Amino acid sequence: MRKRLKDKLSTTLPAQALKKVYSSFDIVGDLAIIKTAGASQHEAQAVANQIISIHKNIKTVFTQTTAIKKGYRTRGLKLLAGENKTTTTYKESGCTFQVDVRKCYFSPRLSYERARIAKLVNSGETIVNMFAGVGCFSIIIAKAVPQTKVYSVDINPAAFQFMVENVRYNRVFGSVHPLLGDAKHVVETQLRGVADRILMPLPELALQYLPSALLALKPCGGWIHFHDFQHSTPDEDPVEKTKQKVAEKLEELDVGYTNANARVVRSTGPNWWHIVLDIHMTKLPSKF
């Protein structure tokens, strides 16, 4: 579909304008979100109209006007074409999610990662998802793996409310337990030593929250899926840079571990990468 869109736009927009607005876009349910930095309103709307024309399921096209903000991880959006709505229904891995893209963080680009993690989970595990958003990782795991318990934490009240509804809609209310609050506080007060596996799908805060992740693990250890944004020049390996950063932190905390897997999830910009490490914790400090 993207190649078809690019071919159609090339007949109506100059090459430089096409380059500005076409670099990437996300489809979430019946919404599309594009980036149009440096493009004119006319150029941006031409792209939006073509998206709706080519992709019949798309009802609304927004341009992203701000970067992802800290805190609730929301972003500015401006309507370019179609219906003026920000709530949509998104389907993935046999699950259905309601999300408001203006009020909640959501990325369809993590679909492979969500499915990958679900395949690693064993029946009977207890999982803490420290940055759950509207519940995608948590619900996909609960639907795929029987007898799991997922404590699903998010600080954003809007995302929490959507998570509660998504848990109900997908009928995993006995397996996924939504919790509203900052993950550090929630772990310290409610989730010490309960987890076999920790999910940390918030690259901006994962290193800062790593001690809390260790606190949530059972005394015998377990798994941490650690996400990171890493900058690297063409002659550097972003995965190795993330490994080194995490190694320094874990040595400081005096724990035993092995990196079972490390991979690039996606590119997030020129020389910037989203990295995930699957870390097997084998020894926790006695103070935990």
C-alpha atoms as a PDB file:
ATOM      1  CA  MET A   1       0.000   0.000   0.000  1.00  0.00           C
ATOM      2  CA  ARG A   2       2.808   2.429   0.814  1.00  0.00           C
ATOM      3  CA  LYS A   3       4.459   1.902  -2.581  1.00  0.00           C
ATOM      4  CA  ARG A   4       1.125   2.504  -4.295  1.00  0.00           C
ATOM      5  CA  LEU A   5       0.651   5.685  -2.264  1.00  0.00           C
ATOM      6  CA  LYS A   6       4.119   6.927  -3.106  1.00  0.00           C
ATOM      7  CA  ASP A   7       3.565   6.261  -6.807  1.00  0.00           C
ATOM      8  CA  LYS A   8       0.300   8.217  -6.805  1.00  0.00           C
ATOM      9  CA  LEU A   9       1.776  11.134  -4.870  1.00  0.00           C
ATOM     10  CA  SER A  10       4.731  11.372  -7.238  1.00  0.00           C
ATOM     11  CA  THR A  11       2.349  12.529  -9.972  1.00  0.00           C
ATOM     12  CA  THR A  12       0.952  15.395  -7.872  1.00  0.00           C
ATOM     13  CA  LEU A  13       3.825  16.496  -5.610  1.00  0.00           C
ATOM     14  CA  PRO A  14       7.395  17.556  -6.436  1.00  0.00           C
ATOM     15  CA  ALA A  15      10.083  15.108  -5.324  1.00  0.00           C
ATOM     16  CA  GLN A  16      11.359  17.345  -2.512  1.00  0.00           C
ATOM     17  CA  ALA A  17       7.883  17.807  -1.070  1.00  0.00           C
ATOM     18  CA  LEU A  18       7.212  14.074  -1.298  1.00  0.00           C
ATOM     19  CA  LYS A  19      10.400  13.358   0.623  1.00  0.00           C
ATOM     20  CA  LYS A  20       9.297  15.710   3.420  1.00  0.00           C
ATOM     21  CA  VAL A  21       5.947  14.104   4.067  1.00  0.00           C
ATOM     22  CA  TYR A  22       6.336  10.500   3.042  1.00  0.00           C
ATOM     23  CA  SER A  23       9.126   9.211   5.318  1.00  0.00           C
ATOM     24  CA  SER A  24       6.739   7.120   7.437  1.00  0.00           C
ATOM     25  CA  PHE A  25       3.255   6.916   8.841  1.00  0.00           C
ATOM     26  CA  ASP A  26       1.361   4.775  11.319  1.00  0.00           C
ATOM     27  CA  ILE A  27      -2.026   3.134  10.870  1.00  0.00           C
ATOM     28  CA  VAL A  28      -3.985   2.587  14.091  1.00  0.00           C
ATOM     29  CA  GLY A  29      -7.385   1.089  13.389  1.00  0.00           C
ATOM     30  CA  ASP A  30      -9.102   3.474  10.982  1.00  0.00           C
ATOM     31  CA  LEU A  31      -6.715   6.353  11.764  1.00  0.00           C
ATOM     32  CA  ALA A  32      -3.447   7.272  10.040  1.00  0.00           C
ATOM     33  CA  ILE A  33      -0.769   9.480  11.609  1.00  0.00           C
ATOM     34  CA  ILE A  34       1.879  11.046   9.376  1.00  0.00           C
ATOM     35  CA  LYS A  35       4.827  13.358   9.954  1.00  0.00           C
ATOM     36  CA  THR A  36       4.964  16.502   7.827  1.00  0.00           C
ATOM     37  CA  ALA A  37       7.798  18.585   9.281  1.00  0.00           C
ATOM     38  CA  GLY A  38       8.857  21.211   6.739  1.00  0.00           C
ATOM     39  CA  ALA A  39       5.948  20.538   4.401  1.00  0.00           C
ATOM     40  CA  SER A  40       3.284  23.066   3.479  1.00  0.00           C
ATOM     41  CA  GLN A  41      -0.345  22.603   4.496  1.00  0.00           C
ATOM     42  CA  HIS A  42      -1.177  21.888   0.843  1.00  0.00           C
ATOM     43  CA  GLU A  43       1.489  19.172   0.602  1.00  0.00           C
ATOM     44  CA  ALA A  44       0.422  17.561   3.872  1.00  0.00           C
ATOM     45  CA  GLN A  45      -3.242  17.546   2.894  1.00  0.00           C
ATOM     46  CA  ALA A  46      -2.406  16.056  -0.513  1.00  0.00           C
ATOM     47  CA  VAL A  47      -0.808  13.089   1.251  1.00  0.00           C
ATOM     48  CA  ALA A  48      -3.730  12.780   3.676  1.00  0.00           C
ATOM     49  CA  ASN A  49      -6.316  12.798   0.891  1.00  0.00           C
ATOM     50  CA  GLN A  50      -4.413  10.174  -1.075  1.00  0.00           C
ATOM     51  CA  ILE A  51      -4.165   7.930   1.990  1.00  0.00           C
ATOM     52  CA  ILE A  52      -7.951   8.039   2.420  1.00  0.00           C
ATOM     53  CA  SER A  53      -8.469   7.525  -1.318  1.00  0.00           C
ATOM     54  CA  ILE A  54      -6.197   4.474  -1.525  1.00  0.00           C
ATOM     55  CA  HIS A  55      -6.858   2.868   1.854  1.00  0.00           C
ATOM     56  CA  LYS A  56     -10.646   2.564   2.131  1.00  0.00           C
ATOM     57  CA  ASN A  57     -10.531   1.581   5.813  1.00  0.00           C
ATOM     58  CA  ILE A  58      -8.873   4.853   6.824  1.00  0.00           C
ATOM     59  CA  LYS A  59     -11.405   7.437   7.993  1.00  0.00           C
ATOM     60  CA  THR A  60      -9.083  10.061   9.507  1.00  0.00           C
ATOM     61  CA  VAL A  61      -5.556  11.352   8.904  1.00  0.00           C
ATOM     62  CA  PHE A  62      -3.585  13.395  11.436  1.00  0.00           C
ATOM     63  CA  THR A  63      -0.164  14.962  11.300  1.00  0.00           C
ATOM     64  CA  GLN A  64       2.024  14.681  14.384  1.00  0.00           C
ATOM     65  CA  THR A  65       2.826  18.204  15.616  1.00  0.00           C
ATOM     66  CA  THR A  66       5.029  17.414  18.628  1.00  0.00           C
ATOM     67  CA  ALA A  67       7.418  14.709  19.723  1.00  0.00           C
ATOM     68  CA  ILE A  68       6.234  12.151  22.270  1.00  0.00           C
ATOM     69  CA  LYS A  69       5.995  14.067  25.544  1.00  0.00           C
ATOM     70  CA  LYS A  70       7.412  12.793  28.815  1.00  0.00           C
ATOM     71  CA  GLY A  71       5.037  11.690  31.531  1.00  0.00           C
ATOM     72  CA  TYR A  72       1.924  10.343  29.864  1.00  0.00           C
ATOM     73  CA  ARG A  73       3.722   9.788  26.515  1.00  0.00           C
ATOM     74  CA  THR A  74       1.173  11.742  24.477  1.00  0.00           C
ATOM     75  CA  ARG A  75       1.830  13.711  21.281  1.00  0.00           C
ATOM     76  CA  GLY A  76       0.292  16.693  19.537  1.00  0.00           C
ATOM     77  CA  LEU A  77      -1.964  15.886  16.576  1.00  0.00           C
ATOM     78  CA  LYS A  78      -3.560  18.077  13.902  1.00  0.00           C
ATOM     79  CA  LEU A  79      -6.422  16.903  11.685  1.00  0.00           C
ATOM     80  CA  LEU A  80      -5.569  16.891   7.976  1.00  0.00           C
ATOM     81  CA  ALA A  81      -8.443  14.960   6.414  1.00  0.00           C
ATOM     82  CA  GLY A  82     -11.493  12.878   7.297  1.00  0.00           C
ATOM     83  CA  GLU A  83     -13.502  12.582  10.483  1.00  0.00           C
ATOM     84  CA  ASN A  84     -12.474  14.630  13.523  1.00  0.00           C
ATOM     85  CA  LYS A  85     -12.018  11.773  15.997  1.00  0.00           C
ATOM     86  CA  THR A  86      -9.084  10.351  17.936  1.00  0.00           C
ATOM     87  CA  THR A  87     -10.564   7.132  19.369  1.00  0.00           C
ATOM     88  CA  THR A  88     -10.328   3.971  17.299  1.00  0.00           C
ATOM     89  CA  THR A  89     -10.398   0.181  17.459  1.00  0.00           C
ATOM     90  CA  TYR A  90      -7.181  -1.702  16.705  1.00  0.00           C
ATOM     91  CA  LYS A  91      -6.796  -5.469  16.232  1.00  0.00           C
ATOM     92  CA  GLU A  92      -3.659  -7.526  16.770  1.00  0.00           C
ATOM     93  CA  SER A  93      -2.850 -11.162  17.595  1.00  0.00           C
ATOM     94  CA  GLY A  94      -6.521 -12.058  17.962  1.00  0.00           C
ATOM     95  CA  CYS A  95      -7.122  -9.230  20.435  1.00  0.00           C
ATOM     96  CA  THR A  96      -9.116  -6.004  20.087  1.00  0.00           C
ATOM     97  CA  PHE A  97      -8.031  -2.717  21.639  1.00  0.00           C
ATOM     98  CA  GLN A  98      -9.753   0.619  22.059  1.00  0.00           C
ATOM     99  CA  VAL A  99      -7.336   3.575  22.170  1.00  0.00           C
ATOM    100  CA  ASP A 100      -7.472   7.360  22.017  1.00  0.00           C
ATOM    101  CA  VAL A 101      -4.305   8.312  20.128  1.00  0.00           C
ATOM    102  CA  ARG A 102      -4.397  11.871  21.506  1.00  0.00           C
ATOM    103  CA  LYS A 103      -4.613  10.813  25.166  1.00  0.00           C
ATOM    104  CA  CYS A 104      -2.609   7.553  25.175  1.00  0.00           C
ATOM    105  CA  TYR A 105       0.693   6.260  23.847  1.00  0.00           C
ATOM    106  CA  PHE A 106       0.294   3.564  21.224  1.00  0.00           C
ATOM    107  CA  SER A 107       2.586   2.152  18.535  1.00  0.00           C
ATOM    108  CA  PRO A 108       1.535  -0.445  15.950  1.00  0.00           C
ATOM    109  CA  ARG A 109       5.256  -0.845  15.203  1.00  0.00           C
ATOM    110  CA  LEU A 110       5.657  -2.972  18.341  1.00  0.00           C
ATOM    111  CA  SER A 111       3.337  -5.718  17.063  1.00  0.00           C
ATOM    112  CA  TYR A 112       6.199  -8.142  16.323  1.00  0.00           C
ATOM    113  CA  GLU A 113       7.759  -7.474  19.721  1.00  0.00           C
ATOM    114  CA  ARG A 114       4.461  -8.092  21.516  1.00  0.00           C
ATOM    115  CA  ALA A 115       4.005 -11.417  19.726  1.00  0.00           C
ATOM    116  CA  ARG A 116       7.642 -12.364  20.333  1.00  0.00           C
ATOM    117  CA  ILE A 117       7.395 -11.824  24.084  1.00  0.00           C
ATOM    118  CA  ALA A 118       4.130 -13.770  24.304  1.00  0.00           C
ATOM    119  CA  LYS A 119       5.903 -16.779  22.776  1.00  0.00           C
ATOM    120  CA  LEU A 120       8.576 -16.673  25.496  1.00  0.00           C
ATOM    121  CA  VAL A 121       6.126 -16.771  28.402  1.00  0.00           C
ATOM    122  CA  ASN A 122       5.466 -20.091  30.119  1.00  0.00           C
ATOM    123  CA  SER A 123       2.138 -21.171  31.555  1.00  0.00           C
ATOM    124  CA  GLY A 124       1.821 -20.281  35.228  1.00  0.00           C
ATOM    125  CA  GLU A 125       4.147 -17.269  35.172  1.00  0.00           C
ATOM    126  CA  THR A 126       3.487 -14.061  37.054  1.00  0.00           C
ATOM    127  CA  ILE A 127       4.421 -10.985  35.045  1.00  0.00           C
ATOM    128  CA  VAL A 128       4.752  -7.305  35.911  1.00  0.00           C
ATOM    129  CA  ASN A 129       4.296  -4.935  32.974  1.00  0.00           C
ATOM    130  CA  MET A 130       5.699  -1.682  34.366  1.00  0.00           C
ATOM    131  CA  PHE A 131       4.599   0.566  31.481  1.00  0.00           C
ATOM    132  CA  ALA A 132       1.437  -1.040  30.158  1.00  0.00           C
ATOM    133  CA  GLY A 133      -0.342   1.762  28.261  1.00  0.00           C
ATOM    134  CA  VAL A 134      -3.747   0.511  27.096  1.00  0.00           C
ATOM    135  CA  GLY A 135      -2.694  -3.071  27.886  1.00  0.00           C
ATOM    136  CA  CYS A 136      -1.488  -4.529  24.584  1.00  0.00           C
ATOM    137  CA  PHE A 137       1.512  -6.544  25.839  1.00  0.00           C
ATOM    138  CA  SER A 138      -0.438  -7.732  28.888  1.00  0.00           C
ATOM    139  CA  ILE A 139      -3.606  -8.783  27.087  1.00  0.00           C
ATOM    140  CA  ILE A 140      -1.824 -10.511  24.200  1.00  0.00           C
ATOM    141  CA  ILE A 141       0.194 -12.562  26.702  1.00  0.00           C
ATOM    142  CA  ALA A 142      -2.901 -13.466  28.732  1.00  0.00           C
ATOM    143  CA  LYS A 143      -4.804 -14.570  25.628  1.00  0.00           C
ATOM    144  CA  ALA A 144      -1.886 -16.596  24.278  1.00  0.00           C
ATOM    145  CA  VAL A 145      -0.650 -18.311  27.449  1.00  0.00           C
ATOM    146  CA  PRO A 146      -3.015 -20.021  29.919  1.00  0.00           C
ATOM    147  CA  GLN A 147      -2.674 -19.657  33.663  1.00  0.00           C
ATOM    148  CA  THR A 148      -0.633 -16.463  33.556  1.00  0.00           C
ATOM    149  CA  LYS A 149      -1.089 -13.531  35.913  1.00  0.00           C
ATOM    150  CA  VAL A 150      -0.115 -10.104  34.564  1.00  0.00           C
ATOM    151  CA  TYR A 151       0.067  -7.036  36.809  1.00  0.00           C
ATOM    152  CA  SER A 152      -0.402  -4.244  34.284  1.00  0.00           C
ATOM    153  CA  VAL A 153       0.749  -0.811  35.517  1.00  0.00           C
ATOM    154  CA  ASP A 154       0.424   2.634  33.953  1.00  0.00           C
ATOM    155  CA  ILE A 155       0.583   6.175  35.319  1.00  0.00           C
ATOM    156  CA  ASN A 156      -1.693   7.744  32.687  1.00  0.00           C
ATOM    157  CA  PRO A 157      -5.339   7.769  33.925  1.00  0.00           C
ATOM    158  CA  ALA A 158      -6.717   7.809  30.363  1.00  0.00           C
ATOM    159  CA  ALA A 159      -4.583   4.842  29.311  1.00  0.00           C
ATOM    160  CA  PHE A 160      -5.580   3.037  32.511  1.00  0.00           C
ATOM    161  CA  GLN A 161      -9.289   3.464  31.754  1.00  0.00           C
ATOM    162  CA  PHE A 162      -8.818   2.116  28.228  1.00  0.00           C
ATOM    163  CA  MET A 163      -6.801  -0.771  29.674  1.00  0.00           C
ATOM    164  CA  VAL A 164      -9.633  -1.671  32.034  1.00  0.00           C
ATOM    165  CA  GLU A 165     -12.099  -1.691  29.131  1.00  0.00           C
ATOM    166  CA  ASN A 166      -9.712  -3.681  26.924  1.00  0.00           C
ATOM    167  CA  VAL A 167      -9.258  -6.288  29.646  1.00  0.00           C
ATOM    168  CA  ARG A 168     -13.026  -6.614  29.932  1.00  0.00           C
ATOM    169  CA  TYR A 169     -13.610  -6.731  26.165  1.00  0.00           C
ATOM    170  CA  ASN A 170     -10.941  -9.397  25.600  1.00  0.00           C
ATOM    171  CA  ARG A 171     -12.216 -11.416  28.577  1.00  0.00           C
ATOM    172  CA  VAL A 172      -8.924 -11.635  30.427  1.00  0.00           C
ATOM    173  CA  PHE A 173     -10.098  -9.997  33.655  1.00  0.00           C
ATOM    174  CA  GLY A 174      -9.030 -13.039  35.677  1.00  0.00           C
ATOM    175  CA  SER A 175      -5.507 -12.893  34.271  1.00  0.00           C
ATOM    176  CA  VAL A 176      -4.673  -9.204  33.717  1.00  0.00           C
ATOM    177  CA  HIS A 177      -4.804  -6.930  36.769  1.00  0.00           C
ATOM    178  CA  PRO A 178      -4.739  -3.211  35.826  1.00  0.00           C
ATOM    179  CA  LEU A 179      -3.003  -0.927  38.337  1.00  0.00           C
ATOM    180  CA  LEU A 180      -2.945   2.874  38.148  1.00  0.00           C
ATOM    181  CA  GLY A 181       0.181   4.652  39.359  1.00  0.00           C
ATOM    182  CA  ASP A 182       3.899   5.184  38.982  1.00  0.00           C
ATOM    183  CA  ALA A 183       5.566   1.802  38.558  1.00  0.00           C
ATOM    184  CA  LYS A 184       8.193   2.507  41.228  1.00  0.00           C
ATOM    185  CA  HIS A 185       5.557   3.213  43.864  1.00  0.00           C
ATOM    186  CA  VAL A 186       3.314   0.342  42.775  1.00  0.00           C
ATOM    187  CA  VAL A 187       6.186  -2.159  42.940  1.00  0.00           C
ATOM    188  CA  GLU A 188       7.418  -0.920  46.306  1.00  0.00           C
ATOM    189  CA  THR A 189       3.954  -1.017  47.903  1.00  0.00           C
ATOM    190  CA  GLN A 190       2.223  -3.928  46.162  1.00  0.00           C
ATOM    191  CA  LEU A 191       4.471  -6.050  43.956  1.00  0.00           C
ATOM    192  CA  ARG A 192       7.698  -6.849  45.792  1.00  0.00           C
ATOM    193  CA  GLY A 193       9.069 -10.277  44.907  1.00  0.00           C
ATOM    194  CA  VAL A 194       6.057 -11.506  42.920  1.00  0.00           C
ATOM    195  CA  ALA A 195       7.271 -11.763  39.326  1.00  0.00           C
ATOM    196  CA  ASP A 196       8.894 -14.356  37.125  1.00  0.00           C
ATOM    197  CA  ARG A 197       9.142 -11.816  34.290  1.00  0.00           C
ATOM    198  CA  ILE A 198       9.247  -8.005  34.013  1.00  0.00           C
ATOM    199  CA  LEU A 199       8.296  -5.995  30.930  1.00  0.00           C
ATOM    200  CA  MET A 200       9.875  -2.530  30.552  1.00  0.00           C
ATOM    201  CA  PRO A 201       8.607  -1.213  27.186  1.00  0.00           C
ATOM    202  CA  LEU A 202       9.414   2.437  27.939  1.00  0.00           C
ATOM    203  CA  PRO A 203      12.924   3.153  26.634  1.00  0.00           C
ATOM    204  CA  GLU A 204      13.100   6.659  28.138  1.00  0.00           C
ATOM    205  CA  LEU A 205      12.724   5.402  31.736  1.00  0.00           C
ATOM    206  CA  ALA A 206      13.846   1.767  31.716  1.00  0.00           C
ATOM    207  CA  LEU A 207      17.357   2.395  33.077  1.00  0.00           C
ATOM    208  CA  GLN A 208      16.042   4.649  35.835  1.00  0.00           C
ATOM    209  CA  TYR A 209      13.423   2.052  36.828  1.00  0.00           C
ATOM    210  CA  LEU A 210      15.727  -0.982  36.640  1.00  0.00           C
ATOM    211  CA  PRO A 211      16.179  -1.218  40.451  1.00  0.00           C
ATOM    212  CA  SER A 212      12.387  -1.353  40.818  1.00  0.00           C
ATOM    213  CA  ALA A 213      12.230  -4.127  38.222  1.00  0.00           C
ATOM    214  CA  LEU A 214      14.715  -6.141  40.280  1.00  0.00           C
ATOM    215  CA  LEU A 215      12.619  -5.489  43.374  1.00  0.00           C
ATOM    216  CA  ALA A 216       9.553  -6.974  41.683  1.00  0.00           C
ATOM    217  CA  LEU A 217      11.317 -10.233  40.735  1.00  0.00           C
ATOM    218  CA  LYS A 218      11.033 -13.337  42.872  1.00  0.00           C
ATOM    219  CA  PRO A 219      14.093 -13.957  45.091  1.00  0.00           C
ATOM    220  CA  CYS A 220      15.228 -16.751  42.747  1.00  0.00           C
ATOM    221  CA  GLY A 221      15.478 -14.292  39.847  1.00  0.00           C
ATOM    222  CA  GLY A 222      13.724 -14.271  36.504  1.00  0.00           C
ATOM    223  CA  TRP A 223      13.512 -12.337  33.248  1.00  0.00           C
ATOM    224  CA  ILE A 224      13.623  -8.640  32.450  1.00  0.00           C
ATOM    225  CA  HIS A 225      12.773  -7.374  28.965  1.00  0.00           C
ATOM    226  CA  PHE A 226      14.604  -4.054  28.907  1.00  0.00           C
ATOM    227  CA  HIS A 227      13.928  -1.420  26.225  1.00  0.00           C
ATOM    228  CA  ASP A 228      16.303   1.389  25.313  1.00  0.00           C
ATOM    229  CA  PHE A 229      16.747   4.212  22.804  1.00  0.00           C
ATOM    230  CA  GLN A 230      20.339   4.213  21.604  1.00  0.00           C
ATOM    231  CA  HIS A 231      22.272   6.602  19.391  1.00  0.00           C
ATOM    232  CA  SER A 232      25.100   5.178  17.311  1.00  0.00           C
ATOM    233  CA  THR A 233      27.302   6.316  14.480  1.00  0.00           C
ATOM    234  CA  PRO A 234      27.626   4.082  11.379  1.00  0.00           C
ATOM    235  CA  ASP A 235      30.751   2.462  12.804  1.00  0.00           C
ATOM    236  CA  GLU A 236      29.134   1.700  16.185  1.00  0.00           C
ATOM    237  CA  ASP A 237      26.857  -1.163  17.205  1.00  0.00           C
ATOM    238  CA  PRO A 238      23.769   0.220  19.010  1.00  0.00           C
ATOM    239  CA  VAL A 239      22.999  -3.146  20.585  1.00  0.00           C
ATOM    240  CA  GLU A 240      26.479  -3.376  22.112  1.00  0.00           C
ATOM    241  CA  LYS A 241      26.185   0.187  23.420  1.00  0.00           C
ATOM    242  CA  THR A 242      22.932  -0.695  25.193  1.00  0.00           C
ATOM    243  CA  LYS A 243      24.457  -3.887  26.584  1.00  0.00           C
ATOM    244  CA  GLN A 244      27.362  -1.873  28.010  1.00  0.00           C
ATOM    245  CA  LYS A 245      25.073   0.733  29.560  1.00  0.00           C
ATOM    246  CA  VAL A 246      22.947  -1.926  31.246  1.00  0.00           C
ATOM    247  CA  ALA A 247      26.007  -3.926  32.353  1.00  0.00           C
ATOM    248  CA  GLU A 248      27.385  -0.890  34.170  1.00  0.00           C
ATOM    249  CA  LYS A 249      24.085  -0.383  35.983  1.00  0.00           C
ATOM    250  CA  LEU A 250      23.707  -4.036  36.962  1.00  0.00           C
ATOM    251  CA  GLU A 251      27.288  -4.250  38.206  1.00  0.00           C
ATOM    252  CA  GLU A 252      26.584  -1.217  40.343  1.00  0.00           C
ATOM    253  CA  LEU A 253      23.564  -3.053  41.789  1.00  0.00           C
ATOM    254  CA  ASP A 254      25.615  -6.235  42.418  1.00  0.00           C
ATOM    255  CA  VAL A 255      23.454  -8.771  40.595  1.00  0.00           C
ATOM    256  CA  GLY A 256      24.131 -11.838  38.513  1.00  0.00           C
ATOM    257  CA  TYR A 257      22.717 -12.025  34.996  1.00  0.00           C
ATOM    258  CA  THR A 258      23.116 -13.168  31.405  1.00  0.00           C
ATOM    259  CA  ASN A 259      21.950 -11.445  28.216  1.00  0.00           C
ATOM    260  CA  ALA A 260      20.013 -14.206  26.507  1.00  0.00           C
ATOM    261  CA  ASN A 261      18.974 -12.121  23.525  1.00  0.00           C
ATOM    262  CA  ALA A 262      19.402  -8.609  22.175  1.00  0.00           C
ATOM    263  CA  ARG A 263      17.888  -7.082  19.055  1.00  0.00           C
ATOM    264  CA  VAL A 264      17.028  -3.895  17.242  1.00  0.00           C
ATOM    265  CA  VAL A 265      13.272  -3.370  17.418  1.00  0.00           C
ATOM    266  CA  ARG A 266      13.168  -0.477  14.923  1.00  0.00           C
ATOM    267  CA  SER A 267      14.842   2.694  13.766  1.00  0.00           C
ATOM    268  CA  THR A 268      13.445   5.818  15.449  1.00  0.00           C
ATOM    269  CA  GLY A 269      15.386   8.449  13.478  1.00  0.00           C
ATOM    270  CA  PRO A 270      18.750   9.084  11.843  1.00  0.00           C
ATOM    271  CA  ASN A 271      21.314   7.069  13.843  1.00  0.00           C
ATOM    272  CA  TRP A 272      18.762   6.358  16.605  1.00  0.00           C
ATOM    273  CA  TRP A 273      17.573   2.841  17.432  1.00  0.00           C
ATOM    274  CA  HIS A 274      15.052   1.138  19.683  1.00  0.00           C
ATOM    275  CA  ILE A 275      16.802  -1.816  21.349  1.00  0.00           C
ATOM    276  CA  VAL A 276      15.460  -4.632  23.521  1.00  0.00           C
ATOM    277  CA  LEU A 277      17.511  -6.901  25.785  1.00  0.00           C
ATOM    278  CA  ASP A 278      16.140 -10.151  27.220  1.00  0.00           C
ATOM    279  CA  ILE A 279      18.045 -10.377  30.508  1.00  0.00           C
ATOM    280  CA  HIS A 280      18.009 -13.478  32.702  1.00  0.00           C
ATOM    281  CA  MET A 281      18.628 -12.433  36.303  1.00  0.00           C
ATOM    282  CA  THR A 282      20.378 -15.238  38.190  1.00  0.00           C
ATOM    283  CA  LYS A 283      21.309 -13.513  41.456  1.00  0.00           C
ATOM    284  CA  LEU A 284      19.611 -10.651  43.265  1.00  0.00           C
ATOM    285  CA  PRO A 285      21.260  -8.606  46.018  1.00  0.00           C
ATOM    286  CA  SER A 286      20.395  -9.715  49.552  1.00  0.00           C
ATOM    287  CA  LYS A 287      18.928  -6.299  50.397  1.00  0.00           C
ATOM    288  CA  PHE A 288      16.144  -7.021  47.895  1.00  0.00           C
END
